[in-house]
Amino acid sequence: MSLLLLVVACVRGDDDVLRDPAATLRNRWAITRLRFEAITKRFVDEAPNATRSLARSDAPSPARPFVFLHQRKTGGTTLRKGLHRRAQQLGVHSWLPCFDDVPCQSYAAPEALANVSLLGGHLAWPHVAARLPGGFDCFTVFREPVARVESCWNFRFVQQPQLPNWKARGATPREPFHAMNATALRATLPVARSLQREGCNNEPYRVLGPFSRGDEDAVSSLTSADAASDVDVATDALFKTLEHAGRCVVGVLERCDDTAEVLAHFQPWAAAVAGSECAHDATMLQRGSTARAGLDAAQVDAVRRENALEVHAYAAANAMLDAQLAVARGANPWRRTADGEGRRAWLDAADRVARGSRETTTAIVS
């Protein structure tokens, strides 16, 4: 492993590693940083090839179901409504929490899915793969990590506990996200749990990763400096999460129009759903009832440090979306197009990943 890390360091020009490899490699988080960056770069580079393997589907079917892997606080509730409406129009059976007598607090699809063409919800990849061994098409949406964590906290720990049914179950509201300083955020985010026993850290790994629903402690503390988390577990989680994401149509909340375009290309039957969600910002970017205030730099760094894996996943997701968008627009992501647009988009994606990696690096070793 040390040789690989030094190779990566040489490519990146990491003077600290080259000057004193032994000292730097003893730093657990320096090793983690290099691993994360190498894995993320691999999936960014492979995004065009992964996109080529995505199939188009005119309609979901029991033989090839469509699964919406709903990451929390990414605008997915409105998407679920649209998918349910579209399933009714197509005359296909669906399984979606909060619809057709499926309880809203459903996090695992039933065993009997023989006639189901469309599924969606806060599902974990291992469970979906076990339920649908014949394969499936999938769609998931990522969100900028700091904004997603803040939204999750304010909804799950501030807004929800004020509801009568939650109060009756013993929920107690906590202070708003912006009111916690960086030290409090670092101490609280890895261990905070809602009445549903869920935290807010690392959402893509909760849905797309190798974890089951019972692995909440591992997911919430994947890159927590104060947790005895295994670097190999975190590395494996990043690899598998990006691998699974690469098999899906990938959306980014902040890029709603681009997301709608790729979903409409690979799943034409969902074009109406995708387009309607971008009609106005309030649909996809629901702000909730909890007042928000600007976070200072230390608070942002604390959230990014606790969610370093999600920062990398978000960077890779943007590159995947770029590659899928290039295909949707008829561009060839493998070579320079006549006007250079495909190449420029690719360079922009690489630059975003590089910036994200540098920022994550700072957070990891600080």
Protein backbone atom coordinates (compact mmCIF):
# COMPACT_ATOMS: atom_id res chain seq x y z
CA MET A 1 0.00 0.00 0.00
CA SER A 2 2.86 2.39 0.76
CA LEU A 3 4.13 2.16 -2.81
CA LEU A 4 0.70 3.05 -4.17
CA LEU A 5 0.47 6.02 -1.85
CA LEU A 6 3.88 7.28 -2.91
CA VAL A 7 2.92 6.92 -6.58
CA VAL A 8 -0.22 8.95 -5.93
CA ALA A 9 1.89 11.50 -4.08
CA CYS A 10 4.26 11.81 -7.02
CA VAL A 11 1.37 12.34 -9.43
CA ARG A 12 -0.12 14.99 -7.17
CA GLY A 13 3.20 16.59 -6.32
CA ASP A 14 2.67 16.13 -2.58
CA ASP A 15 5.94 17.51 -1.22
CA ASP A 16 5.19 16.52 2.38
CA VAL A 17 4.94 12.84 1.45
CA LEU A 18 8.00 12.96 -0.79
CA ARG A 19 10.19 14.80 1.75
CA ASP A 20 9.41 12.51 4.66
CA PRO A 21 7.32 9.53 3.57
CA ALA A 22 7.71 7.55 6.77
CA ALA A 23 6.58 10.41 8.99
CA THR A 24 3.64 11.29 6.79
CA LEU A 25 2.51 7.71 6.26
CA ARG A 26 2.36 7.29 10.02
CA ASN A 27 -0.35 9.89 9.99
CA ARG A 28 -3.49 7.85 9.69
CA TRP A 29 -5.48 10.62 8.08
CA ALA A 30 -2.79 11.39 5.53
CA ILE A 31 -3.02 7.78 4.39
CA THR A 32 -6.80 8.04 4.35
CA ARG A 33 -6.61 11.24 2.31
CA LEU A 34 -4.48 9.59 -0.35
CA ARG A 35 -6.70 6.56 -0.51
CA PHE A 36 -9.82 8.66 -0.86
CA GLU A 37 -8.30 10.82 -3.57
CA ALA A 38 -7.03 7.84 -5.56
CA ILE A 39 -10.40 6.07 -5.45
CA THR A 40 -12.33 9.21 -6.32
CA LYS A 41 -10.04 9.94 -9.26
CA ARG A 42 -10.49 6.39 -10.52
CA PHE A 43 -14.27 6.71 -10.64
CA VAL A 44 -14.11 10.16 -12.17
CA ASP A 45 -11.85 8.78 -14.92
CA GLU A 46 -14.13 5.78 -15.45
CA ALA A 47 -17.37 7.80 -15.54
CA PRO A 48 -17.58 7.87 -19.37
CA ASN A 49 -17.12 4.11 -19.58
CA ALA A 50 -19.69 3.49 -16.85
CA THR A 51 -22.13 5.74 -18.69
CA ARG A 52 -21.77 3.67 -21.84
CA SER A 53 -23.10 0.64 -19.96
CA LEU A 54 -26.30 2.39 -18.85
CA ALA A 55 -29.32 1.12 -20.75
CA ARG A 56 -32.30 3.18 -21.84
CA SER A 57 -35.75 1.99 -20.84
CA ASP A 58 -39.03 3.06 -22.41
CA ALA A 59 -40.96 1.86 -19.37
CA PRO A 60 -40.24 0.02 -16.11
CA SER A 61 -41.34 -3.60 -15.93
CA PRO A 62 -41.24 -6.55 -13.51
CA ALA A 63 -38.46 -7.98 -15.67
CA ARG A 64 -36.41 -4.80 -15.30
CA PRO A 65 -37.71 -2.70 -12.39
CA PHE A 66 -36.82 0.93 -11.82
CA VAL A 67 -35.57 1.80 -8.32
CA PHE A 68 -35.39 5.32 -6.92
CA LEU A 69 -32.72 5.21 -4.22
CA HIS A 70 -33.86 8.17 -2.16
CA GLN A 71 -31.09 9.90 -0.23
CA ARG A 72 -32.64 11.90 2.58
CA LYS A 73 -32.96 15.67 2.19
CA THR A 74 -32.31 15.69 -1.54
CA GLY A 75 -35.78 16.67 -2.77
CA GLY A 76 -36.86 13.04 -3.10
CA THR A 77 -40.30 13.34 -1.51
CA THR A 78 -41.63 15.33 -4.44
CA LEU A 79 -39.96 12.90 -6.84
CA ARG A 80 -41.71 10.01 -5.15
CA LYS A 81 -45.05 11.74 -5.66
CA GLY A 82 -44.29 12.20 -9.33
CA LEU A 83 -43.15 8.60 -9.75
CA HIS A 84 -46.31 7.30 -8.12
CA ARG A 85 -48.43 9.44 -10.42
CA ARG A 86 -46.47 8.20 -13.46
CA ALA A 87 -46.82 4.57 -12.39
CA GLN A 88 -50.59 5.01 -12.28
CA GLN A 89 -50.57 6.57 -15.75
CA LEU A 90 -48.50 3.67 -17.11
CA GLY A 91 -50.66 1.10 -15.36
CA VAL A 92 -47.73 -0.58 -13.59
CA HIS A 93 -47.48 -1.74 -10.00
CA SER A 94 -45.29 0.31 -7.70
CA TRP A 95 -43.96 0.05 -4.17
CA LEU A 96 -43.45 3.49 -2.66
CA PRO A 97 -43.69 4.38 1.05
CA CYS A 98 -46.66 6.66 1.84
CA PHE A 99 -48.60 5.43 -1.21
CA ASP A 100 -51.07 2.60 -1.79
CA ASP A 101 -51.13 1.48 1.85
CA VAL A 102 -47.33 1.19 2.09
CA PRO A 103 -46.42 2.65 5.53
CA CYS A 104 -44.32 5.80 5.36
CA GLN A 105 -41.81 4.30 7.80
CA SER A 106 -40.89 1.49 5.39
CA TYR A 107 -37.20 1.03 4.76
CA ALA A 108 -37.12 -2.44 3.21
CA ALA A 109 -39.04 -3.69 0.19
CA PRO A 110 -41.13 -6.84 0.68
CA GLU A 111 -40.03 -10.22 -0.60
CA ALA A 112 -42.98 -10.49 -2.97
CA LEU A 113 -41.99 -8.19 -5.84
CA ALA A 114 -42.91 -10.40 -8.79
CA ASN A 115 -45.37 -7.89 -10.24
CA VAL A 116 -43.69 -4.67 -9.14
CA SER A 117 -42.15 -2.44 -11.82
CA LEU A 118 -41.23 0.65 -9.82
CA LEU A 119 -39.78 0.96 -6.32
CA GLY A 120 -38.55 3.92 -4.34
CA GLY A 121 -37.64 4.96 -0.83
CA HIS A 122 -34.88 5.16 1.74
CA LEU A 123 -33.59 1.76 0.73
CA ALA A 124 -30.14 0.25 1.23
CA TRP A 125 -28.33 -1.11 -1.81
CA PRO A 126 -27.53 -4.57 -0.34
CA HIS A 127 -31.21 -5.11 0.42
CA VAL A 128 -32.37 -4.00 -3.04
CA ALA A 129 -29.78 -6.19 -4.76
CA ALA A 130 -30.91 -9.19 -2.69
CA ARG A 131 -34.58 -8.55 -3.50
CA LEU A 132 -33.92 -8.02 -7.24
CA PRO A 133 -31.20 -10.51 -8.21
CA GLY A 134 -32.17 -10.25 -11.86
CA GLY A 135 -31.01 -6.65 -12.02
CA PHE A 136 -32.66 -3.24 -12.03
CA ASP A 137 -32.35 0.30 -13.31
CA CYS A 138 -31.78 2.96 -10.69
CA PHE A 139 -31.74 6.68 -10.05
CA THR A 140 -30.34 8.64 -7.12
CA VAL A 141 -29.78 12.31 -6.28
CA PHE A 142 -26.82 13.80 -4.40
CA ARG A 143 -26.74 17.14 -2.60
CA GLU A 144 -23.91 19.41 -1.50
CA PRO A 145 -22.93 17.82 1.84
CA VAL A 146 -22.93 20.83 4.17
CA ALA A 147 -26.36 21.97 2.99
CA ARG A 148 -27.73 18.43 3.20
CA VAL A 149 -26.43 17.82 6.73
CA GLU A 150 -27.82 21.15 7.93
CA SER A 151 -31.21 20.40 6.37
CA CYS A 152 -31.20 16.92 7.88
CA TRP A 153 -30.37 18.21 11.35
CA ASN A 154 -32.96 20.97 11.36
CA PHE A 155 -35.67 18.61 10.15
CA ARG A 156 -34.82 15.54 12.19
CA PHE A 157 -33.67 17.12 15.46
CA VAL A 158 -35.42 20.50 15.55
CA GLN A 159 -38.58 20.46 13.46
CA GLN A 160 -39.82 16.86 13.80
CA PRO A 161 -39.57 16.66 17.61
CA GLN A 162 -41.99 19.59 17.86
CA LEU A 163 -44.76 17.61 16.20
CA PRO A 164 -47.37 16.21 18.64
CA ASN A 165 -46.91 12.58 17.62
CA TRP A 166 -43.16 12.85 18.07
CA LYS A 167 -43.47 14.62 21.41
CA ALA A 168 -45.67 11.78 22.58
CA ARG A 169 -42.84 9.38 21.82
CA GLY A 170 -40.39 11.37 23.94
CA ALA A 171 -38.67 13.45 21.28
CA THR A 172 -37.01 16.63 22.53
CA PRO A 173 -36.02 19.43 20.13
CA ARG A 174 -32.35 20.35 19.98
CA GLU A 175 -30.78 23.68 19.11
CA PRO A 176 -30.75 24.73 15.45
CA PHE A 177 -27.78 23.70 13.38
CA HIS A 178 -26.31 27.18 13.00
CA ALA A 179 -26.36 27.67 16.79
CA MET A 180 -23.77 24.92 17.37
CA ASN A 181 -20.11 25.92 17.12
CA ALA A 182 -17.53 23.83 15.30
CA THR A 183 -16.52 21.92 18.43
CA ALA A 184 -20.12 21.00 19.18
CA LEU A 185 -20.68 19.88 15.61
CA ARG A 186 -17.62 17.63 15.67
CA ALA A 187 -18.73 16.07 18.94
CA THR A 188 -22.42 15.72 18.10
CA LEU A 189 -22.76 14.69 14.47
CA PRO A 190 -21.18 11.21 14.78
CA VAL A 191 -23.37 10.21 17.74
CA ALA A 192 -26.69 12.09 17.39
CA ARG A 193 -29.62 9.78 16.68
CA SER A 194 -33.27 10.51 15.98
CA LEU A 195 -36.09 8.39 17.37
CA GLN A 196 -35.68 6.36 14.18
CA ARG A 197 -32.09 5.69 15.26
CA GLU A 198 -30.60 7.62 12.34
CA GLY A 199 -27.97 10.31 12.16
CA CYS A 200 -27.22 12.89 9.47
CA ASN A 201 -23.65 12.08 8.42
CA ASN A 202 -22.68 10.36 5.16
CA GLU A 203 -26.12 9.84 3.63
CA PRO A 204 -24.91 8.39 0.29
CA TYR A 205 -23.26 5.56 2.22
CA ARG A 206 -26.48 4.83 4.08
CA VAL A 207 -28.27 4.26 0.76
CA LEU A 208 -25.65 3.26 -1.81
CA GLY A 209 -22.97 1.79 0.42
CA PRO A 210 -22.32 -1.76 1.60
CA PHE A 211 -24.14 -1.19 4.88
CA SER A 212 -27.43 -2.55 6.16
CA ARG A 213 -29.92 -0.49 8.14
CA GLY A 214 -28.45 -1.75 11.39
CA ASP A 215 -25.01 -0.28 10.67
CA GLU A 216 -25.86 3.30 11.66
CA ASP A 217 -22.93 3.71 14.05
CA ALA A 218 -20.46 2.74 11.34
CA VAL A 219 -22.04 5.07 8.75
CA SER A 220 -22.19 8.06 11.10
CA SER A 221 -18.56 7.84 12.17
CA LEU A 222 -16.80 6.78 8.97
CA THR A 223 -14.35 9.69 9.08
CA SER A 224 -14.79 10.98 12.61
CA ALA A 225 -11.38 11.81 14.07
CA ASP A 226 -12.51 10.81 17.55
CA ALA A 227 -13.98 7.46 16.54
CA ALA A 228 -12.05 4.21 16.35
CA SER A 229 -13.29 3.71 12.79
CA ASP A 230 -11.33 1.39 10.55
CA VAL A 231 -9.66 3.13 7.63
CA ASP A 232 -10.19 0.01 5.52
CA VAL A 233 -13.92 0.12 6.26
CA ALA A 234 -14.10 3.74 5.13
CA THR A 235 -12.07 3.00 2.00
CA ASP A 236 -14.26 0.03 1.11
CA ALA A 237 -17.38 2.12 1.71
CA LEU A 238 -16.18 4.83 -0.68
CA PHE A 239 -15.27 2.32 -3.38
CA LYS A 240 -18.55 0.41 -3.22
CA THR A 241 -20.71 3.51 -2.94
CA LEU A 242 -19.18 5.03 -6.06
CA GLU A 243 -19.33 1.69 -7.83
CA HIS A 244 -23.04 1.41 -7.11
CA ALA A 245 -23.68 5.04 -8.05
CA GLY A 246 -21.99 4.42 -11.39
CA ARG A 247 -24.65 1.86 -12.24
CA CYS A 248 -27.42 4.43 -11.80
CA VAL A 249 -28.62 7.57 -13.46
CA VAL A 250 -27.06 10.18 -11.18
CA GLY A 251 -28.63 13.49 -10.25
CA VAL A 252 -27.34 16.49 -8.31
CA LEU A 253 -29.87 18.63 -6.46
CA GLU A 254 -28.11 21.89 -7.27
CA ARG A 255 -28.16 20.92 -10.97
CA CYS A 256 -31.83 20.20 -11.34
CA ASP A 257 -32.12 20.92 -15.08
CA ASP A 258 -29.10 18.73 -15.89
CA THR A 259 -30.52 15.98 -13.68
CA ALA A 260 -33.90 16.15 -15.41
CA GLU A 261 -32.18 15.95 -18.80
CA VAL A 262 -30.22 12.78 -18.07
CA LEU A 263 -33.18 11.06 -16.38
CA ALA A 264 -35.38 11.87 -19.38
CA HIS A 265 -32.71 10.45 -21.72
CA PHE A 266 -32.09 7.14 -19.94
CA GLN A 267 -35.66 6.71 -18.65
CA PRO A 268 -37.86 8.52 -21.22
CA TRP A 269 -41.05 7.44 -19.47
CA ALA A 270 -39.95 9.58 -16.49
CA ALA A 271 -39.41 12.74 -18.55
CA ALA A 272 -42.60 14.35 -17.27
CA VAL A 273 -41.62 13.64 -13.68
CA ALA A 274 -38.10 15.01 -14.13
CA GLY A 275 -39.20 18.15 -15.91
CA SER A 276 -41.91 19.10 -13.45
CA GLU A 277 -39.53 18.92 -10.49
CA CYS A 278 -37.42 21.77 -11.86
CA ALA A 279 -40.34 24.10 -12.52
CA HIS A 280 -39.45 26.16 -9.48
CA ASP A 281 -36.80 26.01 -6.77
CA ALA A 282 -39.27 25.46 -3.95
CA THR A 283 -40.09 22.00 -5.30
CA MET A 284 -36.60 20.55 -5.11
CA LEU A 285 -35.05 22.84 -2.52
CA GLN A 286 -37.58 22.72 0.27
CA ARG A 287 -36.24 24.83 3.11
CA GLY A 288 -38.44 23.56 5.94
CA SER A 289 -39.81 25.64 8.79
CA THR A 290 -36.58 25.97 10.79
CA ALA A 291 -34.84 29.30 10.33
CA ARG A 292 -31.40 29.06 8.74
CA ALA A 293 -28.46 31.34 9.25
CA GLY A 294 -25.07 31.48 7.62
CA LEU A 295 -22.42 29.12 8.94
CA ASP A 296 -18.93 30.42 9.66
CA ALA A 297 -15.82 28.88 8.12
CA ALA A 298 -15.05 26.77 11.20
CA GLN A 299 -18.55 25.28 11.20
CA VAL A 300 -18.32 24.45 7.49
CA ASP A 301 -14.91 22.83 7.99
CA ALA A 302 -16.28 20.76 10.89
CA VAL A 303 -19.16 19.43 8.81
CA ARG A 304 -16.90 18.66 5.86
CA ARG A 305 -14.43 16.90 8.14
CA GLU A 306 -17.15 14.69 9.63
CA ASN A 307 -18.49 14.01 6.13
CA ALA A 308 -15.21 13.77 4.23
CA LEU A 309 -16.41 10.65 2.42
CA GLU A 310 -19.58 12.40 1.32
CA VAL A 311 -17.54 15.33 0.01
CA HIS A 312 -15.66 12.90 -2.23
CA ALA A 313 -18.86 11.15 -3.30
CA TYR A 314 -20.42 14.49 -4.23
CA ALA A 315 -17.43 15.41 -6.39
CA ALA A 316 -17.58 12.04 -8.17
CA ALA A 317 -21.34 12.35 -8.60
CA ASN A 318 -20.90 15.64 -10.44
CA ALA A 319 -18.41 13.99 -12.79
CA MET A 320 -20.82 11.10 -13.38
CA LEU A 321 -23.60 13.56 -14.14
CA ASP A 322 -21.30 15.38 -16.58
CA ALA A 323 -20.55 12.13 -18.43
CA GLN A 324 -24.21 11.15 -18.54
CA LEU A 325 -25.18 14.61 -19.72
CA ALA A 326 -22.64 14.39 -22.53
CA VAL A 327 -24.27 11.16 -23.72
CA ALA A 328 -27.75 12.62 -23.36
CA ARG A 329 -26.73 15.52 -25.57
CA GLY A 330 -25.22 13.24 -28.17
CA ALA A 331 -21.63 14.15 -27.33
CA ASN A 332 -18.78 11.66 -27.24
CA PRO A 333 -17.20 11.85 -23.78
CA TRP A 334 -14.13 9.95 -24.98
CA ARG A 335 -12.66 12.62 -27.27
CA ARG A 336 -12.78 16.30 -28.12
CA THR A 337 -15.93 17.30 -30.01
CA ALA A 338 -15.84 19.71 -32.94
CA ASP A 339 -16.58 22.72 -30.78
CA GLY A 340 -14.72 21.40 -27.77
CA GLU A 341 -17.77 21.48 -25.49
CA GLY A 342 -17.44 17.86 -24.38
CA ARG A 343 -13.79 18.30 -23.49
CA ARG A 344 -14.41 21.58 -21.67
CA ALA A 345 -17.17 20.01 -19.60
CA TRP A 346 -14.83 17.18 -18.73
CA LEU A 347 -12.08 19.55 -17.67
CA ASP A 348 -14.56 21.48 -15.57
CA ALA A 349 -15.56 18.24 -13.83
CA ALA A 350 -11.94 17.32 -13.18
CA ASP A 351 -11.29 20.79 -11.80
CA ARG A 352 -14.28 20.50 -9.45
CA VAL A 353 -13.00 17.17 -8.17
CA ALA A 354 -9.51 18.58 -7.71
CA ARG A 355 -10.85 21.53 -5.73
CA GLY A 356 -13.04 19.23 -3.64
CA SER A 357 -10.12 16.90 -2.96
CA ARG A 358 -7.88 19.75 -1.85
CA GLU A 359 -10.57 21.10 0.46
CA THR A 360 -11.23 17.64 1.86
CA THR A 361 -7.52 17.11 2.37
CA THR A 362 -7.33 20.27 4.46
CA ALA A 363 -10.28 19.11 6.54
CA ILE A 364 -8.92 15.60 7.04
CA VAL A 365 -5.49 16.53 8.34
CA SER A 366 -6.57 19.54 10.37
